[in-house]
Amino acid sequence: MSHSRKAWRRLEITWHDGAVYIVLNNRDSLDTLWPSLFSTQENAERAAELMNRGVQGSNFGRPFCFYDYGQKKLLLNPEYGGDGKTVAVAANSRCRSRRFPRIGLPSM
């Protein structure tokens, strides 16, 4: 989908103390791509940044879902039929994540 490229940010990977860690700079543009589902404030506050400890077979839900910081759950992305309320089932139970509120950096 043409809009997905703009909506997703990059990820960072590092190795520390025998484990790989991945920071997913979560999605953006919820309010501009789906204004009937998300407000500007919700775009800024709902999609949290994720820091994951990667293990073989991990599935962090990307690109099918995003972690909603307010609801504390993975929600299905609008590109895949989500409406801002539909809980995603794509997450692997072995996934260990820390969730952070958006840091408000400008888009690159």
PDB file of N, CA and C in Angstrom:
ATOM      1  N   MET A   1       0.833  -1.175   0.000  1.00  0.00           N
ATOM      2  CA  MET A   1       0.000   0.000   0.000  1.00  0.00           C
ATOM      3  C   MET A   1       0.876   1.236   0.000  1.00  0.00           C
ATOM      4  N   SER A   2       0.517   2.186  -0.769  1.00  0.00           N
ATOM      5  CA  SER A   2       1.361   3.366  -0.920  1.00  0.00           C
ATOM      6  C   SER A   2       1.472   4.188   0.354  1.00  0.00           C
ATOM      7  N   HIS A   3       0.436   4.226   1.184  1.00  0.00           N
ATOM      8  CA  HIS A   3       0.482   5.051   2.381  1.00  0.00           C
ATOM      9  C   HIS A   3       1.268   4.398   3.518  1.00  0.00           C
ATOM     10  N   SER A   4       1.500   3.111   3.471  1.00  0.00           N
ATOM     11  CA  SER A   4       2.198   2.429   4.558  1.00  0.00           C
ATOM     12  C   SER A   4       3.635   2.897   4.701  1.00  0.00           C
ATOM     13  N   ARG A   5       4.267   3.237   3.600  1.00  0.00           N
ATOM     14  CA  ARG A   5       5.651   3.669   3.657  1.00  0.00           C
ATOM     15  C   ARG A   5       5.811   4.896   4.555  1.00  0.00           C
ATOM     16  N   LYS A   6       4.917   5.856   4.440  1.00  0.00           N
ATOM     17  CA  LYS A   6       4.987   7.064   5.241  1.00  0.00           C
ATOM     18  C   LYS A   6       4.566   6.815   6.684  1.00  0.00           C
ATOM     19  N   ALA A   7       3.656   5.893   6.896  1.00  0.00           N
ATOM     20  CA  ALA A   7       3.077   5.678   8.212  1.00  0.00           C
ATOM     21  C   ALA A   7       4.031   4.992   9.186  1.00  0.00           C
ATOM     22  N   TRP A   8       5.003   4.234   8.686  1.00  0.00           N
ATOM     23  CA  TRP A   8       5.904   3.492   9.555  1.00  0.00           C
ATOM     24  C   TRP A   8       7.255   4.150   9.632  1.00  0.00           C
ATOM     25  N   ARG A   9       7.834   4.109  10.779  1.00  0.00           N
ATOM     26  CA  ARG A   9       9.170   4.629  11.006  1.00  0.00           C
ATOM     27  C   ARG A   9      10.142   3.466  11.092  1.00  0.00           C
ATOM     28  N   ARG A  10      11.409   3.790  11.141  1.00  0.00           N
ATOM     29  CA  ARG A  10      12.436   2.750  11.142  1.00  0.00           C
ATOM     30  C   ARG A  10      12.541   2.037  12.482  1.00  0.00           C
ATOM     31  N   LEU A  11      13.360   1.012  12.497  1.00  0.00           N
ATOM     32  CA  LEU A  11      13.641   0.312  13.736  1.00  0.00           C
ATOM     33  C   LEU A  11      15.135   0.341  13.996  1.00  0.00           C
ATOM     34  N   GLU A  12      15.498   0.205  15.240  1.00  0.00           N
ATOM     35  CA  GLU A  12      16.896   0.182  15.662  1.00  0.00           C
ATOM     36  C   GLU A  12      17.171  -1.162  16.318  1.00  0.00           C
ATOM     37  N   ILE A  13      18.356  -1.714  16.056  1.00  0.00           N
ATOM     38  CA  ILE A  13      18.724  -3.017  16.589  1.00  0.00           C
ATOM     39  C   ILE A  13      20.075  -2.901  17.282  1.00  0.00           C
ATOM     40  N   THR A  14      20.199  -3.523  18.455  1.00  0.00           N
ATOM     41  CA  THR A  14      21.486  -3.550  19.149  1.00  0.00           C
ATOM     42  C   THR A  14      21.653  -4.887  19.858  1.00  0.00           C
ATOM     43  N   TRP A  15      22.887  -5.245  20.103  1.00  0.00           N
ATOM     44  CA  TRP A  15      23.225  -6.462  20.816  1.00  0.00           C
ATOM     45  C   TRP A  15      23.769  -6.043  22.176  1.00  0.00           C
ATOM     46  N   HIS A  16      23.241  -6.620  23.250  1.00  0.00           N
ATOM     47  CA  HIS A  16      23.707  -6.267  24.589  1.00  0.00           C
ATOM     48  C   HIS A  16      23.576  -7.465  25.512  1.00  0.00           C
ATOM     49  N   ASP A  17      24.646  -7.771  26.189  1.00  0.00           N
ATOM     50  CA  ASP A  17      24.648  -8.808  27.213  1.00  0.00           C
ATOM     51  C   ASP A  17      24.053 -10.128  26.706  1.00  0.00           C
ATOM     52  N   GLY A  18      24.463 -10.528  25.506  1.00  0.00           N
ATOM     53  CA  GLY A  18      24.045 -11.810  24.950  1.00  0.00           C
ATOM     54  C   GLY A  18      22.658 -11.856  24.348  1.00  0.00           C
ATOM     55  N   ALA A  19      22.043 -10.701  24.146  1.00  0.00           N
ATOM     56  CA  ALA A  19      20.695 -10.679  23.589  1.00  0.00           C
ATOM     57  C   ALA A  19      20.573  -9.545  22.572  1.00  0.00           C
ATOM     58  N   VAL A  20      19.652  -9.712  21.645  1.00  0.00           N
ATOM     59  CA  VAL A  20      19.381  -8.666  20.664  1.00  0.00           C
ATOM     60  C   VAL A  20      18.150  -7.890  21.137  1.00  0.00           C
ATOM     61  N   TYR A  21      18.234  -6.555  21.026  1.00  0.00           N
ATOM     62  CA  TYR A  21      17.128  -5.678  21.405  1.00  0.00           C
ATOM     63  C   TYR A  21      16.728  -4.856  20.194  1.00  0.00           C
ATOM     64  N   ILE A  22      15.439  -4.696  20.021  1.00  0.00           N
ATOM     65  CA  ILE A  22      14.890  -3.981  18.873  1.00  0.00           C
ATOM     66  C   ILE A  22      13.971  -2.879  19.383  1.00  0.00           C
ATOM     67  N   VAL A  23      14.197  -1.653  18.917  1.00  0.00           N
ATOM     68  CA  VAL A  23      13.301  -0.548  19.232  1.00  0.00           C
ATOM     69  C   VAL A  23      12.523  -0.235  17.971  1.00  0.00           C
ATOM     70  N   LEU A  24      11.200  -0.347  18.069  1.00  0.00           N
ATOM     71  CA  LEU A  24      10.329  -0.047  16.943  1.00  0.00           C
ATOM     72  C   LEU A  24       9.778   1.356  17.120  1.00  0.00           C
ATOM     73  N   ASN A  25      10.194   2.250  16.249  1.00  0.00           N
ATOM     74  CA  ASN A  25       9.616   3.591  16.245  1.00  0.00           C
ATOM     75  C   ASN A  25       8.271   3.444  15.553  1.00  0.00           C
ATOM     76  N   ASN A  26       7.231   3.477  16.339  1.00  0.00           N
ATOM     77  CA  ASN A  26       5.914   3.054  15.894  1.00  0.00           C
ATOM     78  C   ASN A  26       5.334   3.929  14.804  1.00  0.00           C
ATOM     79  N   ARG A  27       4.179   3.582  14.398  1.00  0.00           N
ATOM     80  CA  ARG A  27       3.502   4.190  13.258  1.00  0.00           C
ATOM     81  C   ARG A  27       3.146   5.646  13.499  1.00  0.00           C
ATOM     82  N   ASP A  28       2.753   6.302  12.440  1.00  0.00           N
ATOM     83  CA  ASP A  28       2.390   7.709  12.464  1.00  0.00           C
ATOM     84  C   ASP A  28       1.265   7.914  11.457  1.00  0.00           C
ATOM     85  N   SER A  29       0.763   9.103  11.370  1.00  0.00           N
ATOM     86  CA  SER A  29      -0.223   9.507  10.357  1.00  0.00           C
ATOM     87  C   SER A  29      -1.587   8.848  10.507  1.00  0.00           C
ATOM     88  N   LEU A  30      -1.907   8.365  11.706  1.00  0.00           N
ATOM     89  CA  LEU A  30      -3.233   7.786  11.904  1.00  0.00           C
ATOM     90  C   LEU A  30      -4.325   8.813  11.634  1.00  0.00           C
ATOM     91  N   ASP A  31      -4.089  10.046  12.086  1.00  0.00           N
ATOM     92  CA  ASP A  31      -5.107  11.090  11.949  1.00  0.00           C
ATOM     93  C   ASP A  31      -5.244  11.614  10.523  1.00  0.00           C
ATOM     94  N   THR A  32      -4.177  11.602   9.756  1.00  0.00           N
ATOM     95  CA  THR A  32      -4.268  12.107   8.383  1.00  0.00           C
ATOM     96  C   THR A  32      -4.766  11.044   7.410  1.00  0.00           C
ATOM     97  N   LEU A  33      -4.442   9.774   7.675  1.00  0.00           N
ATOM     98  CA  LEU A  33      -4.884   8.704   6.792  1.00  0.00           C
ATOM     99  C   LEU A  33      -6.279   8.193   7.140  1.00  0.00           C
ATOM    100  N   TRP A  34      -6.653   8.253   8.412  1.00  0.00           N
ATOM    101  CA  TRP A  34      -7.962   7.790   8.870  1.00  0.00           C
ATOM    102  C   TRP A  34      -8.569   8.818   9.832  1.00  0.00           C
ATOM    103  N   PRO A  35      -8.888  10.015   9.341  1.00  0.00           N
ATOM    104  CA  PRO A  35      -9.406  11.069  10.228  1.00  0.00           C
ATOM    105  C   PRO A  35     -10.739  10.728  10.880  1.00  0.00           C
ATOM    106  N   SER A  36     -11.488   9.816  10.309  1.00  0.00           N
ATOM    107  CA  SER A  36     -12.758   9.427  10.934  1.00  0.00           C
ATOM    108  C   SER A  36     -12.542   8.502  12.140  1.00  0.00           C
ATOM    109  N   LEU A  37     -11.336   7.925  12.264  1.00  0.00           N
ATOM    110  CA  LEU A  37     -11.051   6.999  13.356  1.00  0.00           C
ATOM    111  C   LEU A  37     -10.139   7.575  14.434  1.00  0.00           C
ATOM    112  N   PHE A  38      -9.250   8.524  14.047  1.00  0.00           N
ATOM    113  CA  PHE A  38      -8.234   9.030  14.969  1.00  0.00           C
ATOM    114  C   PHE A  38      -8.119  10.548  14.894  1.00  0.00           C
ATOM    115  N   SER A  39      -8.030  11.177  16.048  1.00  0.00           N
ATOM    116  CA  SER A  39      -7.810  12.625  16.114  1.00  0.00           C
ATOM    117  C   SER A  39      -6.301  12.905  16.107  1.00  0.00           C
ATOM    118  N   THR A  40      -5.937  14.166  15.973  1.00  0.00           N
ATOM    119  CA  THR A  40      -4.531  14.557  16.017  1.00  0.00           C
ATOM    120  C   THR A  40      -3.925  14.189  17.364  1.00  0.00           C
ATOM    121  N   GLN A  41      -4.662  14.397  18.438  1.00  0.00           N
ATOM    122  CA  GLN A  41      -4.162  14.049  19.773  1.00  0.00           C
ATOM    123  C   GLN A  41      -3.975  12.539  19.904  1.00  0.00           C
ATOM    124  N   GLU A  42      -4.906  11.753  19.387  1.00  0.00           N
ATOM    125  CA  GLU A  42      -4.772  10.295  19.451  1.00  0.00           C
ATOM    126  C   GLU A  42      -3.559   9.824  18.650  1.00  0.00           C
ATOM    127  N   ASN A  43      -3.302  10.445  17.503  1.00  0.00           N
ATOM    128  CA  ASN A  43      -2.116  10.106  16.720  1.00  0.00           C
ATOM    129  C   ASN A  43      -0.848  10.342  17.538  1.00  0.00           C
ATOM    130  N   ALA A  44      -0.832  11.413  18.306  1.00  0.00           N
ATOM    131  CA  ALA A  44       0.351  11.763  19.095  1.00  0.00           C
ATOM    132  C   ALA A  44       0.522  10.884  20.332  1.00  0.00           C
ATOM    133  N   GLU A  45      -0.569  10.354  20.877  1.00  0.00           N
ATOM    134  CA  GLU A  45      -0.487   9.676  22.166  1.00  0.00           C
ATOM    135  C   GLU A  45      -0.737   8.173  22.161  1.00  0.00           C
ATOM    136  N   ARG A  46      -1.435   7.659  21.175  1.00  0.00           N
ATOM    137  CA  ARG A  46      -1.856   6.252  21.261  1.00  0.00           C
ATOM    138  C   ARG A  46      -0.793   5.247  20.834  1.00  0.00           C
ATOM    139  N   ALA A  47      -0.172   5.430  19.688  1.00  0.00           N
ATOM    140  CA  ALA A  47       0.792   4.438  19.189  1.00  0.00           C
ATOM    141  C   ALA A  47       2.119   4.581  19.926  1.00  0.00           C
ATOM    142  N   ALA A  48       2.383   3.666  20.862  1.00  0.00           N
ATOM    143  CA  ALA A  48       3.579   3.739  21.705  1.00  0.00           C
ATOM    144  C   ALA A  48       4.810   3.203  20.970  1.00  0.00           C
ATOM    145  N   GLU A  49       5.968   3.658  21.407  1.00  0.00           N
ATOM    146  CA  GLU A  49       7.235   3.128  20.909  1.00  0.00           C
ATOM    147  C   GLU A  49       7.511   1.839  21.684  1.00  0.00           C
ATOM    148  N   LEU A  50       8.044   0.835  21.025  1.00  0.00           N
ATOM    149  CA  LEU A  50       8.285  -0.460  21.661  1.00  0.00           C
ATOM    150  C   LEU A  50       9.761  -0.787  21.731  1.00  0.00           C
ATOM    151  N   MET A  51      10.203  -1.306  22.872  1.00  0.00           N
ATOM    152  CA  MET A  51      11.550  -1.861  22.986  1.00  0.00           C
ATOM    153  C   MET A  51      11.371  -3.334  23.307  1.00  0.00           C
ATOM    154  N   ASN A  52      11.868  -4.192  22.425  1.00  0.00           N
ATOM    155  CA  ASN A  52      11.660  -5.638  22.535  1.00  0.00           C
ATOM    156  C   ASN A  52      12.977  -6.362  22.688  1.00  0.00           C
ATOM    157  N   ARG A  53      12.966  -7.422  23.478  1.00  0.00           N
ATOM    158  CA  ARG A  53      14.093  -8.356  23.531  1.00  0.00           C
ATOM    159  C   ARG A  53      13.751  -9.453  22.546  1.00  0.00           C
ATOM    160  N   GLY A  54      14.549  -9.562  21.511  1.00  0.00           N
ATOM    161  CA  GLY A  54      14.264 -10.532  20.469  1.00  0.00           C
ATOM    162  C   GLY A  54      14.734 -11.927  20.830  1.00  0.00           C
ATOM    163  N   VAL A  55      13.870 -12.887  20.576  1.00  0.00           N
ATOM    164  CA  VAL A  55      14.219 -14.302  20.691  1.00  0.00           C
ATOM    165  C   VAL A  55      13.728 -14.973  19.424  1.00  0.00           C
ATOM    166  N   GLN A  56      14.314 -16.113  19.098  1.00  0.00           N
ATOM    167  CA  GLN A  56      13.925 -16.794  17.881  1.00  0.00           C
ATOM    168  C   GLN A  56      12.422 -17.041  17.857  1.00  0.00           C
ATOM    169  N   GLY A  57      11.789 -16.666  16.762  1.00  0.00           N
ATOM    170  CA  GLY A  57      10.358 -16.861  16.612  1.00  0.00           C
ATOM    171  C   GLY A  57       9.502 -15.708  17.109  1.00  0.00           C
ATOM    172  N   SER A  58      10.132 -14.641  17.617  1.00  0.00           N
ATOM    173  CA  SER A  58       9.355 -13.499  18.110  1.00  0.00           C
ATOM    174  C   SER A  58       8.550 -12.863  16.992  1.00  0.00           C
ATOM    175  N   ASN A  59       7.390 -12.384  17.358  1.00  0.00           N
ATOM    176  CA  ASN A  59       6.529 -11.667  16.433  1.00  0.00           C
ATOM    177  C   ASN A  59       6.017 -10.456  17.189  1.00  0.00           C
ATOM    178  N   PHE A  60       6.444  -9.278  16.783  1.00  0.00           N
ATOM    179  CA  PHE A  60       6.077  -8.058  17.489  1.00  0.00           C
ATOM    180  C   PHE A  60       4.850  -7.389  16.878  1.00  0.00           C
ATOM    181  N   GLY A  61       4.198  -8.077  15.957  1.00  0.00           N
ATOM    182  CA  GLY A  61       2.948  -7.582  15.406  1.00  0.00           C
ATOM    183  C   GLY A  61       3.068  -6.686  14.198  1.00  0.00           C
ATOM    184  N   ARG A  62       4.249  -6.224  13.896  1.00  0.00           N
ATOM    185  CA  ARG A  62       4.432  -5.295  12.800  1.00  0.00           C
ATOM    186  C   ARG A  62       4.358  -6.008  11.470  1.00  0.00           C
ATOM    187  N   PRO A  63       3.704  -5.538  10.491  1.00  0.00           N
ATOM    188  CA  PRO A  63       2.998  -4.266  10.345  1.00  0.00           C
ATOM    189  C   PRO A  63       1.505  -4.375  10.631  1.00  0.00           C
ATOM    190  N   PHE A  64       1.058  -5.482  11.169  1.00  0.00           N
ATOM    191  CA  PHE A  64      -0.373  -5.728  11.293  1.00  0.00           C
ATOM    192  C   PHE A  64      -1.043  -5.009  12.458  1.00  0.00           C
ATOM    193  N   CYS A  65      -0.271  -4.650  13.476  1.00  0.00           N
ATOM    194  CA  CYS A  65      -0.880  -4.018  14.637  1.00  0.00           C
ATOM    195  C   CYS A  65       0.033  -2.970  15.254  1.00  0.00           C
ATOM    196  N   PHE A  66      -0.527  -2.182  16.139  1.00  0.00           N
ATOM    197  CA  PHE A  66       0.257  -1.213  16.898  1.00  0.00           C
ATOM    198  C   PHE A  66      -0.129  -1.324  18.364  1.00  0.00           C
ATOM    199  N   TYR A  67       0.813  -0.955  19.245  1.00  0.00           N
ATOM    200  CA  TYR A  67       0.538  -1.004  20.671  1.00  0.00           C
ATOM    201  C   TYR A  67      -0.075   0.322  21.095  1.00  0.00           C
ATOM    202  N   ASP A  68      -1.282   0.257  21.623  1.00  0.00           N
ATOM    203  CA  ASP A  68      -1.993   1.449  22.089  1.00  0.00           C
ATOM    204  C   ASP A  68      -1.597   1.703  23.534  1.00  0.00           C
ATOM    205  N   TYR A  69      -0.888   2.817  23.766  1.00  0.00           N
ATOM    206  CA  TYR A  69      -0.366   3.128  25.093  1.00  0.00           C
ATOM    207  C   TYR A  69      -1.483   3.356  26.106  1.00  0.00           C
ATOM    208  N   GLY A  70      -2.571   3.951  25.695  1.00  0.00           N
ATOM    209  CA  GLY A  70      -3.680   4.220  26.595  1.00  0.00           C
ATOM    210  C   GLY A  70      -4.448   2.967  26.982  1.00  0.00           C
ATOM    211  N   GLN A  71      -4.705   2.095  26.015  1.00  0.00           N
ATOM    212  CA  GLN A  71      -5.462   0.868  26.276  1.00  0.00           C
ATOM    213  C   GLN A  71      -4.590  -0.290  26.742  1.00  0.00           C
ATOM    214  N   LYS A  72      -3.263  -0.143  26.582  1.00  0.00           N
ATOM    215  CA  LYS A  72      -2.307  -1.183  26.993  1.00  0.00           C
ATOM    216  C   LYS A  72      -2.554  -2.516  26.290  1.00  0.00           C
ATOM    217  N   LYS A  73      -2.796  -2.430  24.966  1.00  0.00           N
ATOM    218  CA  LYS A  73      -2.997  -3.657  24.186  1.00  0.00           C
ATOM    219  C   LYS A  73      -2.641  -3.414  22.721  1.00  0.00           C
ATOM    220  N   LEU A  74      -2.374  -4.511  22.024  1.00  0.00           N
ATOM    221  CA  LEU A  74      -2.108  -4.441  20.593  1.00  0.00           C
ATOM    222  C   LEU A  74      -3.424  -4.340  19.841  1.00  0.00           C
ATOM    223  N   LEU A  75      -3.504  -3.349  18.956  1.00  0.00           N
ATOM    224  CA  LEU A  75      -4.702  -3.155  18.150  1.00  0.00           C
ATOM    225  C   LEU A  75      -4.377  -3.374  16.677  1.00  0.00           C
ATOM    226  N   LEU A  76      -5.329  -3.875  15.945  1.00  0.00           N
ATOM    227  CA  LEU A  76      -5.174  -4.101  14.518  1.00  0.00           C
ATOM    228  C   LEU A  76      -5.064  -2.762  13.786  1.00  0.00           C
ATOM    229  N   ASN A  77      -4.071  -2.628  12.909  1.00  0.00           N
ATOM    230  CA  ASN A  77      -3.883  -1.405  12.130  1.00  0.00           C
ATOM    231  C   ASN A  77      -5.020  -1.211  11.133  1.00  0.00           C
ATOM    232  N   PRO A  78      -5.364   0.044  10.849  1.00  0.00           N
ATOM    233  CA  PRO A  78      -6.427   0.327   9.883  1.00  0.00           C
ATOM    234  C   PRO A  78      -6.171  -0.259   8.491  1.00  0.00           C
ATOM    235  N   GLU A  79      -4.909  -0.384   8.098  1.00  0.00           N
ATOM    236  CA  GLU A  79      -4.591  -0.968   6.794  1.00  0.00           C
ATOM    237  C   GLU A  79      -5.090  -2.407   6.681  1.00  0.00           C
ATOM    238  N   TYR A  80      -5.270  -3.057   7.839  1.00  0.00           N
ATOM    239  CA  TYR A  80      -5.670  -4.460   7.867  1.00  0.00           C
ATOM    240  C   TYR A  80      -7.058  -4.634   8.481  1.00  0.00           C
ATOM    241  N   GLY A  81      -7.862  -3.584   8.421  1.00  0.00           N
ATOM    242  CA  GLY A  81      -9.239  -3.663   8.873  1.00  0.00           C
ATOM    243  C   GLY A  81      -9.508  -3.173  10.277  1.00  0.00           C
ATOM    244  N   GLY A  82      -8.483  -2.669  10.971  1.00  0.00           N
ATOM    245  CA  GLY A  82      -8.667  -2.165  12.329  1.00  0.00           C
ATOM    246  C   GLY A  82      -9.459  -0.867  12.366  1.00  0.00           C
ATOM    247  N   ASP A  83     -10.099  -0.626  13.493  1.00  0.00           N
ATOM    248  CA  ASP A  83     -10.926   0.566  13.655  1.00  0.00           C
ATOM    249  C   ASP A  83     -10.531   1.379  14.890  1.00  0.00           C
ATOM    250  N   GLY A  84      -9.355   1.101  15.458  1.00  0.00           N
ATOM    251  CA  GLY A  84      -8.919   1.780  16.668  1.00  0.00           C
ATOM    252  C   GLY A  84      -9.426   1.106  17.932  1.00  0.00           C
ATOM    253  N   LYS A  85     -10.176   0.009  17.776  1.00  0.00           N
ATOM    254  CA  LYS A  85     -10.729  -0.730  18.914  1.00  0.00           C
ATOM    255  C   LYS A  85     -10.469  -2.228  18.818  1.00  0.00           C
ATOM    256  N   THR A  86     -10.280  -2.727  17.600  1.00  0.00           N
ATOM    257  CA  THR A  86     -10.144  -4.170  17.377  1.00  0.00           C
ATOM    258  C   THR A  86      -8.801  -4.672  17.893  1.00  0.00           C
ATOM    259  N   VAL A  87      -8.832  -5.599  18.830  1.00  0.00           N
ATOM    260  CA  VAL A  87      -7.624  -6.163  19.412  1.00  0.00           C
ATOM    261  C   VAL A  87      -6.976  -7.112  18.405  1.00  0.00           C
ATOM    262  N   ALA A  88      -5.660  -6.990  18.255  1.00  0.00           N
ATOM    263  CA  ALA A  88      -4.903  -7.839  17.331  1.00  0.00           C
ATOM    264  C   ALA A  88      -4.483  -9.118  18.040  1.00  0.00           C
ATOM    265  N   VAL A  89      -4.379 -10.190  17.287  1.00  0.00           N
ATOM    266  CA  VAL A  89      -3.950 -11.471  17.841  1.00  0.00           C
ATOM    267  C   VAL A  89      -2.609 -11.904  17.269  1.00  0.00           C
ATOM    268  N   ALA A  90      -1.888 -10.976  16.631  1.00  0.00           N
ATOM    269  CA  ALA A  90      -0.643 -11.317  15.948  1.00  0.00           C
ATOM    270  C   ALA A  90       0.549 -11.454  16.886  1.00  0.00           C
ATOM    271  N   ALA A  91       0.443 -10.996  18.108  1.00  0.00           N
ATOM    272  CA  ALA A  91       1.613 -10.988  18.994  1.00  0.00           C
ATOM    273  C   ALA A  91       1.938 -12.382  19.512  1.00  0.00           C
ATOM    274  N   ASN A  92       3.198 -12.698  19.493  1.00  0.00           N
ATOM    275  CA  ASN A  92       3.693 -13.970  19.997  1.00  0.00           C
ATOM    276  C   ASN A  92       3.832 -13.866  21.516  1.00  0.00           C
ATOM    277  N   SER A  93       3.398 -14.868  22.243  1.00  0.00           N
ATOM    278  CA  SER A  93       3.454 -14.809  23.703  1.00  0.00           C
ATOM    279  C   SER A  93       4.880 -14.770  24.234  1.00  0.00           C
ATOM    280  N   ARG A  94       5.871 -15.123  23.406  1.00  0.00           N
ATOM    281  CA  ARG A  94       7.263 -15.074  23.842  1.00  0.00           C
ATOM    282  C   ARG A  94       7.847 -13.666  23.727  1.00  0.00           C
ATOM    283  N   CYS A  95       7.094 -12.754  23.172  1.00  0.00           N
ATOM    284  CA  CYS A  95       7.555 -11.380  23.005  1.00  0.00           C
ATOM    285  C   CYS A  95       7.606 -10.676  24.359  1.00  0.00           C
ATOM    286  N   ARG A  96       8.744 -10.120  24.690  1.00  0.00           N
ATOM    287  CA  ARG A  96       8.903  -9.344  25.918  1.00  0.00           C
ATOM    288  C   ARG A  96       9.167  -7.900  25.514  1.00  0.00           C
ATOM    289  N   SER A  97       8.246  -7.029  25.798  1.00  0.00           N
ATOM    290  CA  SER A  97       8.349  -5.641  25.362  1.00  0.00           C
ATOM    291  C   SER A  97       8.230  -4.680  26.528  1.00  0.00           C
ATOM    292  N   ARG A  98       8.866  -3.535  26.377  1.00  0.00           N
ATOM    293  CA  ARG A  98       8.612  -2.393  27.241  1.00  0.00           C
ATOM    294  C   ARG A  98       7.967  -1.361  26.351  1.00  0.00           C
ATOM    295  N   ARG A  99       6.950  -0.695  26.839  1.00  0.00           N
ATOM    296  CA  ARG A  99       6.233   0.281  26.035  1.00  0.00           C
ATOM    297  C   ARG A  99       6.485   1.677  26.578  1.00  0.00           C
ATOM    298  N   PHE A 100       6.675   2.625  25.675  1.00  0.00           N
ATOM    299  CA  PHE A 100       6.949   3.999  26.050  1.00  0.00           C
ATOM    300  C   PHE A 100       5.994   4.918  25.339  1.00  0.00           C
ATOM    301  N   PRO A 101       5.580   6.012  25.999  1.00  0.00           N
ATOM    302  CA  PRO A 101       4.755   6.987  25.280  1.00  0.00           C
ATOM    303  C   PRO A 101       5.555   7.603  24.146  1.00  0.00           C
ATOM    304  N   ARG A 102       4.873   8.154  23.169  1.00  0.00           N
ATOM    305  CA  ARG A 102       5.550   8.814  22.059  1.00  0.00           C
ATOM    306  C   ARG A 102       6.427   9.923  22.601  1.00  0.00           C
ATOM    307  N   ILE A 103       7.577  10.120  21.972  1.00  0.00           N
ATOM    308  CA  ILE A 103       8.497  11.142  22.473  1.00  0.00           C
ATOM    309  C   ILE A 103       8.343  12.469  21.752  1.00  0.00           C
ATOM    310  N   GLY A 104       7.516  12.527  20.755  1.00  0.00           N
ATOM    311  CA  GLY A 104       7.193  13.790  20.120  1.00  0.00           C
ATOM    312  C   GLY A 104       8.273  14.402  19.254  1.00  0.00           C
ATOM    313  N   LEU A 105       9.166  13.589  18.725  1.00  0.00           N
ATOM    314  CA  LEU A 105      10.170  14.122  17.824  1.00  0.00           C
ATOM    315  C   LEU A 105       9.542  14.435  16.465  1.00  0.00           C
ATOM    316  N   PRO A 106      10.060  15.435  15.787  1.00  0.00           N
ATOM    317  CA  PRO A 106       9.505  15.744  14.461  1.00  0.00           C
ATOM    318  C   PRO A 106       9.792  14.634  13.469  1.00  0.00           C
ATOM    319  N   SER A 107       8.924  14.498  12.489  1.00  0.00           N
ATOM    320  CA  SER A 107       9.135  13.508  11.439  1.00  0.00           C
ATOM    321  C   SER A 107      10.326  13.882  10.592  1.00  0.00           C
ATOM    322  N   MET A 108      11.061  12.879  10.155  1.00  0.00           N
ATOM    323  CA  MET A 108      12.228  13.138   9.292  1.00  0.00           C
ATOM    324  C   MET A 108      11.804  13.178   7.845  1.00  0.00           C
TER     325      MET A 108
END
